[in-house]
């Protein structure tokens, strides 16, 4: 079947969604209890890179 949801997985998903919606890195870092925003950036940097791609202009 599917993978079982874990607390850690839900936490990671929540943080990723907040960042994707434009919540400031410092705010996400504080909510996660990280000591520094740089730690949060290092953990979630691969998520950012996987979401990057060619830009599409809306209305063109």
PDB file of N, CA and C in Angstrom:
ATOM      1  N   UNK A   1       0.829  -1.170   0.000  1.00  0.00           N
ATOM      2  CA  UNK A   1       0.000   0.000   0.000  1.00  0.00           C
ATOM      3  C   UNK A   1       0.881   1.243   0.000  1.00  0.00           C
ATOM      4  N   UNK A   2       0.507   2.280   0.767  1.00  0.00           N
ATOM      5  CA  UNK A   2       1.275   3.519   0.819  1.00  0.00           C
ATOM      6  C   UNK A   2       2.190   3.532   2.020  1.00  0.00           C
ATOM      7  N   UNK A   3       2.970   4.574   2.113  1.00  0.00           N
ATOM      8  CA  UNK A   3       3.845   4.739   3.265  1.00  0.00           C
ATOM      9  C   UNK A   3       3.044   5.234   4.454  1.00  0.00           C
ATOM     10  N   UNK A   4       3.483   4.821   5.633  1.00  0.00           N
ATOM     11  CA  UNK A   4       2.823   5.262   6.859  1.00  0.00           C
ATOM     12  C   UNK A   4       3.303   6.666   7.216  1.00  0.00           C
ATOM     13  N   UNK A   5       2.386   7.532   7.595  1.00  0.00           N
ATOM     14  CA  UNK A   5       2.740   8.891   7.994  1.00  0.00           C
ATOM     15  C   UNK A   5       3.394   8.866   9.372  1.00  0.00           C
ATOM     16  N   UNK A   6       4.458   9.633   9.507  1.00  0.00           N
ATOM     17  CA  UNK A   6       5.138   9.750  10.794  1.00  0.00           C
ATOM     18  C   UNK A   6       5.076  11.202  11.245  1.00  0.00           C
ATOM     19  N   UNK A   7       5.293  11.421  12.517  1.00  0.00           N
ATOM     20  CA  UNK A   7       5.310  12.783  13.043  1.00  0.00           C
ATOM     21  C   UNK A   7       6.417  13.580  12.353  1.00  0.00           C
ATOM     22  N   UNK A   8       7.578  12.970  12.197  1.00  0.00           N
ATOM     23  CA  UNK A   8       8.698  13.662  11.551  1.00  0.00           C
ATOM     24  C   UNK A   8       8.364  13.993  10.101  1.00  0.00           C
ATOM     25  N   UNK A   9       7.730  13.080   9.400  1.00  0.00           N
ATOM     26  CA  UNK A   9       7.331  13.329   8.016  1.00  0.00           C
ATOM     27  C   UNK A   9       6.332  14.457   7.902  1.00  0.00           C
ATOM     28  N   UNK A  10       5.378  14.504   8.815  1.00  0.00           N
ATOM     29  CA  UNK A  10       4.391  15.584   8.818  1.00  0.00           C
ATOM     30  C   UNK A  10       5.046  16.934   9.133  1.00  0.00           C
ATOM     31  N   UNK A  11       6.000  16.916  10.049  1.00  0.00           N
ATOM     32  CA  UNK A  11       6.734  18.138  10.401  1.00  0.00           C
ATOM     33  C   UNK A  11       7.498  18.653   9.190  1.00  0.00           C
ATOM     34  N   UNK A  12       8.163  17.756   8.479  1.00  0.00           N
ATOM     35  CA  UNK A  12       8.934  18.133   7.292  1.00  0.00           C
ATOM     36  C   UNK A  12       8.006  18.677   6.204  1.00  0.00           C
ATOM     37  N   UNK A  13       6.878  18.030   6.009  1.00  0.00           N
ATOM     38  CA  UNK A  13       5.911  18.486   5.008  1.00  0.00           C
ATOM     39  C   UNK A  13       5.380  19.865   5.362  1.00  0.00           C
ATOM     40  N   UNK A  14       5.045  20.061   6.633  1.00  0.00           N
ATOM     41  CA  UNK A  14       4.526  21.354   7.082  1.00  0.00           C
ATOM     42  C   UNK A  14       5.553  22.455   6.830  1.00  0.00           C
ATOM     43  N   UNK A  15       6.801  22.208   7.181  1.00  0.00           N
ATOM     44  CA  UNK A  15       7.852  23.209   6.974  1.00  0.00           C
ATOM     45  C   UNK A  15       8.029  23.498   5.487  1.00  0.00           C
ATOM     46  N   UNK A  16       8.041  22.470   4.667  1.00  0.00           N
ATOM     47  CA  UNK A  16       8.204  22.645   3.222  1.00  0.00           C
ATOM     48  C   UNK A  16       7.061  23.465   2.640  1.00  0.00           C
ATOM     49  N   UNK A  17       5.842  23.189   3.073  1.00  0.00           N
ATOM     50  CA  UNK A  17       4.689  23.935   2.571  1.00  0.00           C
ATOM     51  C   UNK A  17       4.729  25.395   3.006  1.00  0.00           C
ATOM     52  N   UNK A  18       5.146  25.633   4.254  1.00  0.00           N
ATOM     53  CA  UNK A  18       5.257  27.019   4.710  1.00  0.00           C
ATOM     54  C   UNK A  18       6.259  27.782   3.851  1.00  0.00           C
ATOM     55  N   UNK A  19       7.408  27.191   3.605  1.00  0.00           N
ATOM     56  CA  UNK A  19       8.430  27.851   2.804  1.00  0.00           C
ATOM     57  C   UNK A  19       7.949  28.069   1.374  1.00  0.00           C
ATOM     58  N   UNK A  20       7.263  27.087   0.834  1.00  0.00           N
ATOM     59  CA  UNK A  20       6.757  27.205  -0.539  1.00  0.00           C
ATOM     60  C   UNK A  20       5.720  28.323  -0.658  1.00  0.00           C
ATOM     61  N   UNK A  21       4.975  28.565   0.428  1.00  0.00           N
ATOM     62  CA  UNK A  21       3.964  29.614   0.423  1.00  0.00           C
ATOM     63  C   UNK A  21       4.549  30.988   0.720  1.00  0.00           C
ATOM     64  N   UNK A  22       5.851  31.049   0.931  1.00  0.00           N
ATOM     65  CA  UNK A  22       6.504  32.329   1.127  1.00  0.00           C
ATOM     66  C   UNK A  22       6.689  32.768   2.562  1.00  0.00           C
ATOM     67  N   UNK A  23       6.448  31.871   3.519  1.00  0.00           N
ATOM     68  CA  UNK A  23       6.709  32.216   4.917  1.00  0.00           C
ATOM     69  C   UNK A  23       8.221  32.409   5.063  1.00  0.00           C
ATOM     70  N   UNK A  24       8.608  33.454   5.753  1.00  0.00           N
ATOM     71  CA  UNK A  24      10.030  33.756   5.907  1.00  0.00           C
ATOM     72  C   UNK A  24      10.780  32.593   6.560  1.00  0.00           C
ATOM     73  N   UNK A  25      11.988  32.360   6.080  1.00  0.00           N
ATOM     74  CA  UNK A  25      12.830  31.292   6.603  1.00  0.00           C
ATOM     75  C   UNK A  25      13.016  31.414   8.108  1.00  0.00           C
ATOM     76  N   UNK A  26      13.183  32.644   8.593  1.00  0.00           N
ATOM     77  CA  UNK A  26      13.380  32.860  10.027  1.00  0.00           C
ATOM     78  C   UNK A  26      12.161  32.432  10.834  1.00  0.00           C
ATOM     79  N   UNK A  27      10.978  32.648  10.296  1.00  0.00           N
ATOM     80  CA  UNK A  27       9.737  32.258  10.976  1.00  0.00           C
ATOM     81  C   UNK A  27       9.627  30.733  11.016  1.00  0.00           C
ATOM     82  N   UNK A  28       9.880  30.089   9.898  1.00  0.00           N
ATOM     83  CA  UNK A  28       9.823  28.619   9.845  1.00  0.00           C
ATOM     84  C   UNK A  28      10.850  28.030  10.799  1.00  0.00           C
ATOM     85  N   UNK A  29      12.049  28.586  10.788  1.00  0.00           N
ATOM     86  CA  UNK A  29      13.112  28.107  11.667  1.00  0.00           C
ATOM     87  C   UNK A  29      12.695  28.192  13.129  1.00  0.00           C
ATOM     88  N   UNK A  30      12.088  29.308  13.501  1.00  0.00           N
ATOM     89  CA  UNK A  30      11.640  29.486  14.885  1.00  0.00           C
ATOM     90  C   UNK A  30      10.537  28.490  15.240  1.00  0.00           C
ATOM     91  N   UNK A  31       9.584  28.293  14.332  1.00  0.00           N
ATOM     92  CA  UNK A  31       8.489  27.346  14.595  1.00  0.00           C
ATOM     93  C   UNK A  31       9.006  25.924  14.772  1.00  0.00           C
ATOM     94  N   UNK A  32      10.079  25.587  14.035  1.00  0.00           N
ATOM     95  CA  UNK A  32      10.640  24.241  14.134  1.00  0.00           C
ATOM     96  C   UNK A  32      11.559  24.077  15.342  1.00  0.00           C
ATOM     97  N   UNK A  33      11.897  25.199  15.969  1.00  0.00           N
ATOM     98  CA  UNK A  33      12.772  25.140  17.136  1.00  0.00           C
ATOM     99  C   UNK A  33      14.241  25.019  16.785  1.00  0.00           C
ATOM    100  N   UNK A  34      14.592  25.376  15.552  1.00  0.00           N
ATOM    101  CA  UNK A  34      15.998  25.336  15.152  1.00  0.00           C
ATOM    102  C   UNK A  34      16.735  26.506  15.793  1.00  0.00           C
ATOM    103  N   UNK A  35      18.001  26.297  16.122  1.00  0.00           N
ATOM    104  CA  UNK A  35      18.773  27.340  16.782  1.00  0.00           C
ATOM    105  C   UNK A  35      19.168  28.460  15.823  1.00  0.00           C
ATOM    106  N   UNK A  36      19.278  28.140  14.529  1.00  0.00           N
ATOM    107  CA  UNK A  36      19.681  29.134  13.536  1.00  0.00           C
ATOM    108  C   UNK A  36      18.923  28.921  12.235  1.00  0.00           C
ATOM    109  N   UNK A  37      18.527  29.997  11.559  1.00  0.00           N
ATOM    110  CA  UNK A  37      17.891  29.863  10.251  1.00  0.00           C
ATOM    111  C   UNK A  37      18.796  29.168   9.227  1.00  0.00           C
ATOM    112  N   UNK A  38      20.108  29.295   9.392  1.00  0.00           N
ATOM    113  CA  UNK A  38      21.028  28.645   8.456  1.00  0.00           C
ATOM    114  C   UNK A  38      20.880  27.121   8.519  1.00  0.00           C
ATOM    115  N   UNK A  39      20.580  26.581   9.693  1.00  0.00           N
ATOM    116  CA  UNK A  39      20.350  25.141   9.806  1.00  0.00           C
ATOM    117  C   UNK A  39      19.111  24.749   9.006  1.00  0.00           C
ATOM    118  N   UNK A  40      18.052  25.530   9.154  1.00  0.00           N
ATOM    119  CA  UNK A  40      16.812  25.268   8.416  1.00  0.00           C
ATOM    120  C   UNK A  40      17.077  25.334   6.919  1.00  0.00           C
ATOM    121  N   UNK A  41      17.823  26.337   6.488  1.00  0.00           N
ATOM    122  CA  UNK A  41      18.142  26.481   5.065  1.00  0.00           C
ATOM    123  C   UNK A  41      18.920  25.267   4.556  1.00  0.00           C
ATOM    124  N   UNK A  42      19.854  24.784   5.333  1.00  0.00           N
ATOM    125  CA  UNK A  42      20.644  23.618   4.911  1.00  0.00           C
ATOM    126  C   UNK A  42      19.788  22.365   4.793  1.00  0.00           C
ATOM    127  N   UNK A  43      18.832  22.209   5.691  1.00  0.00           N
ATOM    128  CA  UNK A  43      17.959  21.031   5.662  1.00  0.00           C
ATOM    129  C   UNK A  43      17.003  21.094   4.478  1.00  0.00           C
ATOM    130  N   UNK A  44      16.461  22.279   4.201  1.00  0.00           N
ATOM    131  CA  UNK A  44      15.419  22.408   3.184  1.00  0.00           C
ATOM    132  C   UNK A  44      15.921  22.887   1.830  1.00  0.00           C
ATOM    133  N   UNK A  45      17.207  23.180   1.701  1.00  0.00           N
ATOM    134  CA  UNK A  45      17.771  23.611   0.420  1.00  0.00           C
ATOM    135  C   UNK A  45      17.491  22.598  -0.694  1.00  0.00           C
ATOM    136  N   UNK A  46      17.621  21.288  -0.467  1.00  0.00           N
ATOM    137  CA  UNK A  46      17.301  20.335  -1.541  1.00  0.00           C
ATOM    138  C   UNK A  46      15.852  20.439  -2.013  1.00  0.00           C
ATOM    139  N   UNK A  47      14.939  20.796  -1.120  1.00  0.00           N
ATOM    140  CA  UNK A  47      13.540  20.962  -1.504  1.00  0.00           C
ATOM    141  C   UNK A  47      13.436  22.136  -2.470  1.00  0.00           C
ATOM    142  N   UNK A  48      14.108  23.242  -2.138  1.00  0.00           N
ATOM    143  CA  UNK A  48      14.078  24.413  -3.018  1.00  0.00           C
ATOM    144  C   UNK A  48      14.609  24.058  -4.398  1.00  0.00           C
ATOM    145  N   UNK A  49      15.724  23.363  -4.453  1.00  0.00           N
ATOM    146  CA  UNK A  49      16.345  23.024  -5.726  1.00  0.00           C
ATOM    147  C   UNK A  49      15.456  22.103  -6.555  1.00  0.00           C
ATOM    148  N   UNK A  50      14.749  21.185  -5.907  1.00  0.00           N
ATOM    149  CA  UNK A  50      13.891  20.269  -6.658  1.00  0.00           C
ATOM    150  C   UNK A  50      12.666  20.991  -7.223  1.00  0.00           C
ATOM    151  N   UNK A  51      12.310  22.130  -6.640  1.00  0.00           N
ATOM    152  CA  UNK A  51      11.150  22.870  -7.113  1.00  0.00           C
ATOM    153  C   UNK A  51      11.515  23.889  -8.197  1.00  0.00           C
ATOM    154  N   UNK A  52      12.807  24.126  -8.371  1.00  0.00           N
ATOM    155  CA  UNK A  52      13.196  25.115  -9.374  1.00  0.00           C
ATOM    156  C   UNK A  52      13.135  24.492 -10.758  1.00  0.00           C
ATOM    157  N   UNK A  53      12.823  25.297 -11.697  1.00  0.00           N
ATOM    158  CA  UNK A  53      12.731  24.847 -13.080  1.00  0.00           C
ATOM    159  C   UNK A  53      12.594  26.043 -13.961  1.00  0.00           C
ATOM    160  N   UNK A  54      12.258  25.812 -15.209  1.00  0.00           N
ATOM    161  CA  UNK A  54      12.102  26.938 -16.111  1.00  0.00           C
ATOM    162  C   UNK A  54      10.959  27.853 -15.656  1.00  0.00           C
ATOM    163  N   UNK A  55      11.161  29.138 -15.802  1.00  0.00           N
ATOM    164  CA  UNK A  55      10.134  30.104 -15.443  1.00  0.00           C
ATOM    165  C   UNK A  55       9.097  30.199 -16.546  1.00  0.00           C
ATOM    166  N   UNK A  56       7.840  30.340 -16.145  1.00  0.00           N
ATOM    167  CA  UNK A  56       6.756  30.506 -17.102  1.00  0.00           C
ATOM    168  C   UNK A  56       6.053  31.821 -16.804  1.00  0.00           C
ATOM    169  N   UNK A  57       5.936  32.670 -17.793  1.00  0.00           N
ATOM    170  CA  UNK A  57       5.235  33.939 -17.614  1.00  0.00           C
ATOM    171  C   UNK A  57       3.747  33.721 -17.778  1.00  0.00           C
ATOM    172  N   UNK A  58       2.982  34.150 -16.801  1.00  0.00           N
ATOM    173  CA  UNK A  58       1.531  34.015 -16.854  1.00  0.00           C
ATOM    174  C   UNK A  58       0.976  35.136 -17.723  1.00  0.00           C
ATOM    175  N   UNK A  59       0.071  34.795 -18.606  1.00  0.00           N
ATOM    176  CA  UNK A  59      -0.567  35.791 -19.453  1.00  0.00           C
ATOM    177  C   UNK A  59       0.204  36.136 -20.716  1.00  0.00           C
ATOM    178  N   UNK A  60       1.255  35.384 -21.000  1.00  0.00           N
ATOM    179  CA  UNK A  60       2.039  35.659 -22.205  1.00  0.00           C
ATOM    180  C   UNK A  60       1.434  34.961 -23.408  1.00  0.00           C
TER     181      UNK A  60
END
